Amino acid sequence: MAEQRDVSLSLTTDQALVLFEWLVRRSHAGREPEPHPAETAVLWDVEAQLEARLVAPLAPGYEAAVRAARARVLGERE
């Protein structure tokens, strides 16, 4: 099992509100909503922060690591 560590991201209040609204619309739409340009910008910022903090995307076996992480996340919800 992979070591579990916390990853912290930093968002401004505006970024958090824009991201929250996109997530709410996404979860209630049943499909991918057309993102507002501000939502796209926030998602890019989150992606950049994750890219700077995660090692797995650069490691061999990345696809297997993602599959395992998905399974663990779903297992945590059961």
PDB file of N, CA and C in Angstrom:
ATOM      1  N   MET A   1       0.836  -1.179   0.000  1.00  0.00           N
ATOM      2  CA  MET A   1       0.000   0.000   0.000  1.00  0.00           C
ATOM      3  C   MET A   1       0.883   1.244   0.000  1.00  0.00           C
ATOM      4  N   ALA A   2       0.491   2.227  -0.780  1.00  0.00           N
ATOM      5  CA  ALA A   2       1.274   3.459  -0.882  1.00  0.00           C
ATOM      6  C   ALA A   2       1.171   4.266   0.404  1.00  0.00           C
ATOM      7  N   GLU A   3       2.252   4.953   0.713  1.00  0.00           N
ATOM      8  CA  GLU A   3       2.261   5.816   1.890  1.00  0.00           C
ATOM      9  C   GLU A   3       1.242   6.941   1.694  1.00  0.00           C
ATOM     10  N   GLN A   4       0.425   7.186   2.697  1.00  0.00           N
ATOM     11  CA  GLN A   4      -0.568   8.256   2.626  1.00  0.00           C
ATOM     12  C   GLN A   4      -0.017   9.506   3.286  1.00  0.00           C
ATOM     13  N   ARG A   5       0.068  10.581   2.523  1.00  0.00           N
ATOM     14  CA  ARG A   5       0.511  11.875   3.041  1.00  0.00           C
ATOM     15  C   ARG A   5      -0.516  12.911   2.633  1.00  0.00           C
ATOM     16  N   ASP A   6      -0.642  13.932   3.434  1.00  0.00           N
ATOM     17  CA  ASP A   6      -1.525  15.031   3.078  1.00  0.00           C
ATOM     18  C   ASP A   6      -0.849  15.909   2.032  1.00  0.00           C
ATOM     19  N   VAL A   7      -1.653  16.454   1.146  1.00  0.00           N
ATOM     20  CA  VAL A   7      -1.198  17.435   0.174  1.00  0.00           C
ATOM     21  C   VAL A   7      -2.055  18.674   0.393  1.00  0.00           C
ATOM     22  N   SER A   8      -1.423  19.787   0.629  1.00  0.00           N
ATOM     23  CA  SER A   8      -2.151  21.032   0.857  1.00  0.00           C
ATOM     24  C   SER A   8      -2.059  21.926  -0.365  1.00  0.00           C
ATOM     25  N   LEU A   9      -3.176  22.527  -0.698  1.00  0.00           N
ATOM     26  CA  LEU A   9      -3.239  23.493  -1.779  1.00  0.00           C
ATOM     27  C   LEU A   9      -3.703  24.810  -1.187  1.00  0.00           C
ATOM     28  N   SER A  10      -3.335  25.879  -1.811  1.00  0.00           N
ATOM     29  CA  SER A  10      -3.734  27.190  -1.326  1.00  0.00           C
ATOM     30  C   SER A  10      -4.597  27.871  -2.378  1.00  0.00           C
ATOM     31  N   LEU A  11      -5.789  28.287  -1.973  1.00  0.00           N
ATOM     32  CA  LEU A  11      -6.692  29.004  -2.857  1.00  0.00           C
ATOM     33  C   LEU A  11      -7.086  30.316  -2.192  1.00  0.00           C
ATOM     34  N   THR A  12      -7.259  31.338  -2.995  1.00  0.00           N
ATOM     35  CA  THR A  12      -7.845  32.555  -2.457  1.00  0.00           C
ATOM     36  C   THR A  12      -9.328  32.283  -2.220  1.00  0.00           C
ATOM     37  N   THR A  13      -9.980  33.157  -1.476  1.00  0.00           N
ATOM     38  CA  THR A  13     -11.418  32.991  -1.258  1.00  0.00           C
ATOM     39  C   THR A  13     -12.165  33.035  -2.583  1.00  0.00           C
ATOM     40  N   ASP A  14     -11.753  33.909  -3.484  1.00  0.00           N
ATOM     41  CA  ASP A  14     -12.401  33.975  -4.799  1.00  0.00           C
ATOM     42  C   ASP A  14     -12.213  32.684  -5.573  1.00  0.00           C
ATOM     43  N   GLN A  15     -11.000  32.152  -5.580  1.00  0.00           N
ATOM     44  CA  GLN A  15     -10.744  30.891  -6.281  1.00  0.00           C
ATOM     45  C   GLN A  15     -11.584  29.763  -5.681  1.00  0.00           C
ATOM     46  N   ALA A  16     -11.655  29.720  -4.360  1.00  0.00           N
ATOM     47  CA  ALA A  16     -12.433  28.671  -3.696  1.00  0.00           C
ATOM     48  C   ALA A  16     -13.907  28.773  -4.065  1.00  0.00           C
ATOM     49  N   LEU A  17     -14.437  29.983  -4.092  1.00  0.00           N
ATOM     50  CA  LEU A  17     -15.846  30.164  -4.439  1.00  0.00           C
ATOM     51  C   LEU A  17     -16.121  29.765  -5.878  1.00  0.00           C
ATOM     52  N   VAL A  18     -15.248  30.155  -6.796  1.00  0.00           N
ATOM     53  CA  VAL A  18     -15.417  29.793  -8.205  1.00  0.00           C
ATOM     54  C   VAL A  18     -15.328  28.275  -8.368  1.00  0.00           C
ATOM     55  N   LEU A  19     -14.358  27.657  -7.717  1.00  0.00           N
ATOM     56  CA  LEU A  19     -14.212  26.204  -7.805  1.00  0.00           C
ATOM     57  C   LEU A  19     -15.420  25.499  -7.196  1.00  0.00           C
ATOM     58  N   PHE A  20     -15.890  25.970  -6.047  1.00  0.00           N
ATOM     59  CA  PHE A  20     -17.059  25.373  -5.404  1.00  0.00           C
ATOM     60  C   PHE A  20     -18.270  25.428  -6.333  1.00  0.00           C
ATOM     61  N   GLU A  21     -18.505  26.584  -6.939  1.00  0.00           N
ATOM     62  CA  GLU A  21     -19.660  26.727  -7.836  1.00  0.00           C
ATOM     63  C   GLU A  21     -19.558  25.766  -9.013  1.00  0.00           C
ATOM     64  N   TRP A  22     -18.366  25.622  -9.581  1.00  0.00           N
ATOM     65  CA  TRP A  22     -18.189  24.681 -10.698  1.00  0.00           C
ATOM     66  C   TRP A  22     -18.468  23.252 -10.247  1.00  0.00           C
ATOM     67  N   LEU A  23     -17.954  22.884  -9.076  1.00  0.00           N
ATOM     68  CA  LEU A  23     -18.178  21.532  -8.567  1.00  0.00           C
ATOM     69  C   LEU A  23     -19.658  21.272  -8.312  1.00  0.00           C
ATOM     70  N   VAL A  24     -20.356  22.250  -7.752  1.00  0.00           N
ATOM     71  CA  VAL A  24     -21.793  22.097  -7.509  1.00  0.00           C
ATOM     72  C   VAL A  24     -22.535  21.930  -8.830  1.00  0.00           C
ATOM     73  N   ARG A  25     -22.257  22.783  -9.791  1.00  0.00           N
ATOM     74  CA  ARG A  25     -22.921  22.666 -11.095  1.00  0.00           C
ATOM     75  C   ARG A  25     -22.610  21.333 -11.747  1.00  0.00           C
ATOM     76  N   ARG A  26     -21.378  20.894 -11.612  1.00  0.00           N
ATOM     77  CA  ARG A  26     -20.969  19.615 -12.213  1.00  0.00           C
ATOM     78  C   ARG A  26     -21.703  18.455 -11.567  1.00  0.00           C
ATOM     79  N   SER A  27     -21.833  18.473 -10.262  1.00  0.00           N
ATOM     80  CA  SER A  27     -22.458  17.344  -9.575  1.00  0.00           C
ATOM     81  C   SER A  27     -23.968  17.301  -9.801  1.00  0.00           C
ATOM     82  N   HIS A  28     -24.588  18.461 -10.059  1.00  0.00           N
ATOM     83  CA  HIS A  28     -26.034  18.491 -10.255  1.00  0.00           C
ATOM     84  C   HIS A  28     -26.448  18.424 -11.720  1.00  0.00           C
ATOM     85  N   ALA A  29     -25.527  18.659 -12.611  1.00  0.00           N
ATOM     86  CA  ALA A  29     -25.865  18.687 -14.038  1.00  0.00           C
ATOM     87  C   ALA A  29     -25.973  17.287 -14.626  1.00  0.00           C
ATOM     88  N   GLY A  30     -25.265  16.315 -14.026  1.00  0.00           N
ATOM     89  CA  GLY A  30     -25.266  14.979 -14.589  1.00  0.00           C
ATOM     90  C   GLY A  30     -24.378  14.862 -15.816  1.00  0.00           C
ATOM     91  N   ARG A  31     -23.728  15.942 -16.158  1.00  0.00           N
ATOM     92  CA  ARG A  31     -22.810  15.972 -17.291  1.00  0.00           C
ATOM     93  C   ARG A  31     -21.823  17.105 -17.044  1.00  0.00           C
ATOM     94  N   GLU A  32     -20.827  17.175 -17.899  1.00  0.00           N
ATOM     95  CA  GLU A  32     -19.830  18.236 -17.756  1.00  0.00           C
ATOM     96  C   GLU A  32     -20.453  19.574 -18.152  1.00  0.00           C
ATOM     97  N   PRO A  33     -20.539  20.536 -17.214  1.00  0.00           N
ATOM     98  CA  PRO A  33     -21.038  21.855 -17.602  1.00  0.00           C
ATOM     99  C   PRO A  33     -19.978  22.619 -18.386  1.00  0.00           C
ATOM    100  N   GLU A  34     -20.426  23.538 -19.203  1.00  0.00           N
ATOM    101  CA  GLU A  34     -19.491  24.403 -19.922  1.00  0.00           C
ATOM    102  C   GLU A  34     -18.848  25.321 -18.893  1.00  0.00           C
ATOM    103  N   PRO A  35     -17.519  25.227 -18.735  1.00  0.00           N
ATOM    104  CA  PRO A  35     -16.891  26.045 -17.695  1.00  0.00           C
ATOM    105  C   PRO A  35     -16.834  27.517 -18.081  1.00  0.00           C
ATOM    106  N   HIS A  36     -16.999  28.349 -17.097  1.00  0.00           N
ATOM    107  CA  HIS A  36     -16.795  29.786 -17.249  1.00  0.00           C
ATOM    108  C   HIS A  36     -15.280  29.995 -17.345  1.00  0.00           C
ATOM    109  N   PRO A  37     -14.808  30.999 -18.070  1.00  0.00           N
ATOM    110  CA  PRO A  37     -13.359  31.218 -18.164  1.00  0.00           C
ATOM    111  C   PRO A  37     -12.674  31.327 -16.795  1.00  0.00           C
ATOM    112  N   ALA A  38     -13.345  31.889 -15.809  1.00  0.00           N
ATOM    113  CA  ALA A  38     -12.745  31.978 -14.467  1.00  0.00           C
ATOM    114  C   ALA A  38     -12.580  30.590 -13.856  1.00  0.00           C
ATOM    115  N   GLU A  39     -13.550  29.707 -14.104  1.00  0.00           N
ATOM    116  CA  GLU A  39     -13.452  28.337 -13.589  1.00  0.00           C
ATOM    117  C   GLU A  39     -12.280  27.607 -14.231  1.00  0.00           C
ATOM    118  N   THR A  40     -12.102  27.806 -15.522  1.00  0.00           N
ATOM    119  CA  THR A  40     -10.964  27.202 -16.213  1.00  0.00           C
ATOM    120  C   THR A  40      -9.654  27.694 -15.619  1.00  0.00           C
ATOM    121  N   ALA A  41      -9.568  28.983 -15.336  1.00  0.00           N
ATOM    122  CA  ALA A  41      -8.344  29.546 -14.751  1.00  0.00           C
ATOM    123  C   ALA A  41      -8.058  28.940 -13.385  1.00  0.00           C
ATOM    124  N   VAL A  42      -9.091  28.789 -12.558  1.00  0.00           N
ATOM    125  CA  VAL A  42      -8.898  28.196 -11.234  1.00  0.00           C
ATOM    126  C   VAL A  42      -8.467  26.740 -11.356  1.00  0.00           C
ATOM    127  N   LEU A  43      -9.089  25.995 -12.260  1.00  0.00           N
ATOM    128  CA  LEU A  43      -8.700  24.592 -12.455  1.00  0.00           C
ATOM    129  C   LEU A  43      -7.252  24.492 -12.907  1.00  0.00           C
ATOM    130  N   TRP A  44      -6.804  25.388 -13.754  1.00  0.00           N
ATOM    131  CA  TRP A  44      -5.394  25.393 -14.174  1.00  0.00           C
ATOM    132  C   TRP A  44      -4.487  25.670 -12.984  1.00  0.00           C
ATOM    133  N   ASP A  45      -4.912  26.607 -12.113  1.00  0.00           N
ATOM    134  CA  ASP A  45      -4.116  26.907 -10.921  1.00  0.00           C
ATOM    135  C   ASP A  45      -4.013  25.687 -10.006  1.00  0.00           C
ATOM    136  N   VAL A  46      -5.132  24.990  -9.811  1.00  0.00           N
ATOM    137  CA  VAL A  46      -5.120  23.786  -8.968  1.00  0.00           C
ATOM    138  C   VAL A  46      -4.230  22.720  -9.601  1.00  0.00           C
ATOM    139  N   GLU A  47      -4.355  22.536 -10.912  1.00  0.00           N
ATOM    140  CA  GLU A  47      -3.509  21.564 -11.610  1.00  0.00           C
ATOM    141  C   GLU A  47      -2.033  21.886 -11.432  1.00  0.00           C
ATOM    142  N   ALA A  48      -1.673  23.159 -11.553  1.00  0.00           N
ATOM    143  CA  ALA A  48      -0.275  23.566 -11.399  1.00  0.00           C
ATOM    144  C   ALA A  48       0.231  23.291  -9.984  1.00  0.00           C
ATOM    145  N   GLN A  49      -0.608  23.552  -8.988  1.00  0.00           N
ATOM    146  CA  GLN A  49      -0.209  23.273  -7.609  1.00  0.00           C
ATOM    147  C   GLN A  49      -0.016  21.778  -7.379  1.00  0.00           C
ATOM    148  N   LEU A  50      -0.927  20.975  -7.919  1.00  0.00           N
ATOM    149  CA  LEU A  50      -0.789  19.522  -7.774  1.00  0.00           C
ATOM    150  C   LEU A  50       0.469  19.029  -8.485  1.00  0.00           C
ATOM    151  N   GLU A  51       0.714  19.540  -9.672  1.00  0.00           N
ATOM    152  CA  GLU A  51       1.899  19.134 -10.432  1.00  0.00           C
ATOM    153  C   GLU A  51       3.177  19.450  -9.659  1.00  0.00           C
ATOM    154  N   ALA A  52       3.182  20.562  -8.945  1.00  0.00           N
ATOM    155  CA  ALA A  52       4.367  20.956  -8.182  1.00  0.00           C
ATOM    156  C   ALA A  52       4.559  20.111  -6.919  1.00  0.00           C
ATOM    157  N   ARG A  53       3.487  19.480  -6.433  1.00  0.00           N
ATOM    158  CA  ARG A  53       3.574  18.756  -5.166  1.00  0.00           C
ATOM    159  C   ARG A  53       3.618  17.229  -5.312  1.00  0.00           C
ATOM    160  N   LEU A  54       3.125  16.707  -6.424  1.00  0.00           N
ATOM    161  CA  LEU A  54       3.049  15.255  -6.598  1.00  0.00           C
ATOM    162  C   LEU A  54       4.285  14.715  -7.304  1.00  0.00           C
ATOM    163  N   VAL A  55       4.732  13.564  -6.860  1.00  0.00           N
ATOM    164  CA  VAL A  55       5.873  12.893  -7.464  1.00  0.00           C
ATOM    165  C   VAL A  55       5.398  11.831  -8.460  1.00  0.00           C
ATOM    166  N   ALA A  56       4.248  11.222  -8.183  1.00  0.00           N
ATOM    167  CA  ALA A  56       3.744  10.088  -8.968  1.00  0.00           C
ATOM    168  C   ALA A  56       3.657  10.353 -10.474  1.00  0.00           C
ATOM    169  N   PRO A  57       3.217  11.544 -10.936  1.00  0.00           N
ATOM    170  CA  PRO A  57       3.116  11.733 -12.386  1.00  0.00           C
ATOM    171  C   PRO A  57       4.438  11.555 -13.129  1.00  0.00           C
ATOM    172  N   LEU A  58       5.549  11.703 -12.439  1.00  0.00           N
ATOM    173  CA  LEU A  58       6.856  11.564 -13.080  1.00  0.00           C
ATOM    174  C   LEU A  58       7.472  10.185 -12.870  1.00  0.00           C
ATOM    175  N   ALA A  59       6.840   9.368 -12.049  1.00  0.00           N
ATOM    176  CA  ALA A  59       7.401   8.064 -11.697  1.00  0.00           C
ATOM    177  C   ALA A  59       6.931   6.987 -12.674  1.00  0.00           C
ATOM    178  N   PRO A  60       7.739   5.949 -12.846  1.00  0.00           N
ATOM    179  CA  PRO A  60       7.286   4.813 -13.649  1.00  0.00           C
ATOM    180  C   PRO A  60       6.061   4.198 -12.978  1.00  0.00           C
ATOM    181  N   GLY A  61       5.159   3.672 -13.767  1.00  0.00           N
ATOM    182  CA  GLY A  61       3.965   3.038 -13.219  1.00  0.00           C
ATOM    183  C   GLY A  61       2.898   4.028 -12.792  1.00  0.00           C
ATOM    184  N   TYR A  62       2.900   5.204 -13.391  1.00  0.00           N
ATOM    185  CA  TYR A  62       1.934   6.247 -13.022  1.00  0.00           C
ATOM    186  C   TYR A  62       0.489   5.761 -13.188  1.00  0.00           C
ATOM    187  N   GLU A  63       0.186   5.108 -14.302  1.00  0.00           N
ATOM    188  CA  GLU A  63      -1.183   4.647 -14.547  1.00  0.00           C
ATOM    189  C   GLU A  63      -1.637   3.681 -13.464  1.00  0.00           C
ATOM    190  N   ALA A  64      -0.760   2.778 -13.055  1.00  0.00           N
ATOM    191  CA  ALA A  64      -1.097   1.829 -11.989  1.00  0.00           C
ATOM    192  C   ALA A  64      -1.294   2.561 -10.663  1.00  0.00           C
ATOM    193  N   ALA A  65      -0.497   3.590 -10.417  1.00  0.00           N
ATOM    194  CA  ALA A  65      -0.640   4.364  -9.186  1.00  0.00           C
ATOM    195  C   ALA A  65      -1.990   5.075  -9.151  1.00  0.00           C
ATOM    196  N   VAL A  66      -2.437   5.590 -10.295  1.00  0.00           N
ATOM    197  CA  VAL A  66      -3.742   6.258 -10.361  1.00  0.00           C
ATOM    198  C   VAL A  66      -4.856   5.246 -10.129  1.00  0.00           C
ATOM    199  N   ARG A  67      -4.770   4.078 -10.750  1.00  0.00           N
ATOM    200  CA  ARG A  67      -5.797   3.040 -10.541  1.00  0.00           C
ATOM    201  C   ARG A  67      -5.878   2.663  -9.071  1.00  0.00           C
ATOM    202  N   ALA A  68      -4.735   2.469  -8.429  1.00  0.00           N
ATOM    203  CA  ALA A  68      -4.708   2.089  -7.016  1.00  0.00           C
ATOM    204  C   ALA A  68      -5.272   3.208  -6.140  1.00  0.00           C
ATOM    205  N   ALA A  69      -4.930   4.441  -6.441  1.00  0.00           N
ATOM    206  CA  ALA A  69      -5.444   5.572  -5.670  1.00  0.00           C
ATOM    207  C   ALA A  69      -6.959   5.678  -5.807  1.00  0.00           C
ATOM    208  N   ARG A  70      -7.471   5.485  -7.015  1.00  0.00           N
ATOM    209  CA  ARG A  70      -8.926   5.519  -7.227  1.00  0.00           C
ATOM    210  C   ARG A  70      -9.609   4.441  -6.399  1.00  0.00           C
ATOM    211  N   ALA A  71      -9.046   3.248  -6.399  1.00  0.00           N
ATOM    212  CA  ALA A  71      -9.629   2.145  -5.626  1.00  0.00           C
ATOM    213  C   ALA A  71      -9.620   2.454  -4.133  1.00  0.00           C
ATOM    214  N   ARG A  72      -8.536   3.035  -3.643  1.00  0.00           N
ATOM    215  CA  ARG A  72      -8.462   3.380  -2.217  1.00  0.00           C
ATOM    216  C   ARG A  72      -9.483   4.459  -1.862  1.00  0.00           C
ATOM    217  N   VAL A  73      -9.631   5.459  -2.734  1.00  0.00           N
ATOM    218  CA  VAL A  73     -10.593   6.530  -2.470  1.00  0.00           C
ATOM    219  C   VAL A  73     -12.006   5.949  -2.412  1.00  0.00           C
ATOM    220  N   LEU A  74     -12.339   5.077  -3.350  1.00  0.00           N
ATOM    221  CA  LEU A  74     -13.677   4.473  -3.326  1.00  0.00           C
ATOM    222  C   LEU A  74     -13.849   3.587  -2.104  1.00  0.00           C
ATOM    223  N   GLY A  75     -12.815   2.879  -1.712  1.00  0.00           N
ATOM    224  CA  GLY A  75     -12.872   2.039  -0.517  1.00  0.00           C
ATOM    225  C   GLY A  75     -13.110   2.846   0.745  1.00  0.00           C
ATOM    226  N   GLU A  76     -12.600   4.062   0.769  1.00  0.00           N
ATOM    227  CA  GLU A  76     -12.786   4.936   1.931  1.00  0.00           C
ATOM    228  C   GLU A  76     -14.242   5.382   2.047  1.00  0.00           C
ATOM    229  N   ARG A  77     -14.970   5.362   0.968  1.00  0.00           N
ATOM    230  CA  ARG A  77     -16.370   5.841   0.978  1.00  0.00           C
ATOM    231  C   ARG A  77     -17.354   4.712   1.281  1.00  0.00           C
ATOM    232  N   GLU A  78     -16.901   3.488   1.284  1.00  0.00           N
ATOM    233  CA  GLU A  78     -17.809   2.351   1.513  1.00  0.00           C
ATOM    234  C   GLU A  78     -18.024   2.113   2.988  1.00  0.00           C
TER     235      GLU A  78
END
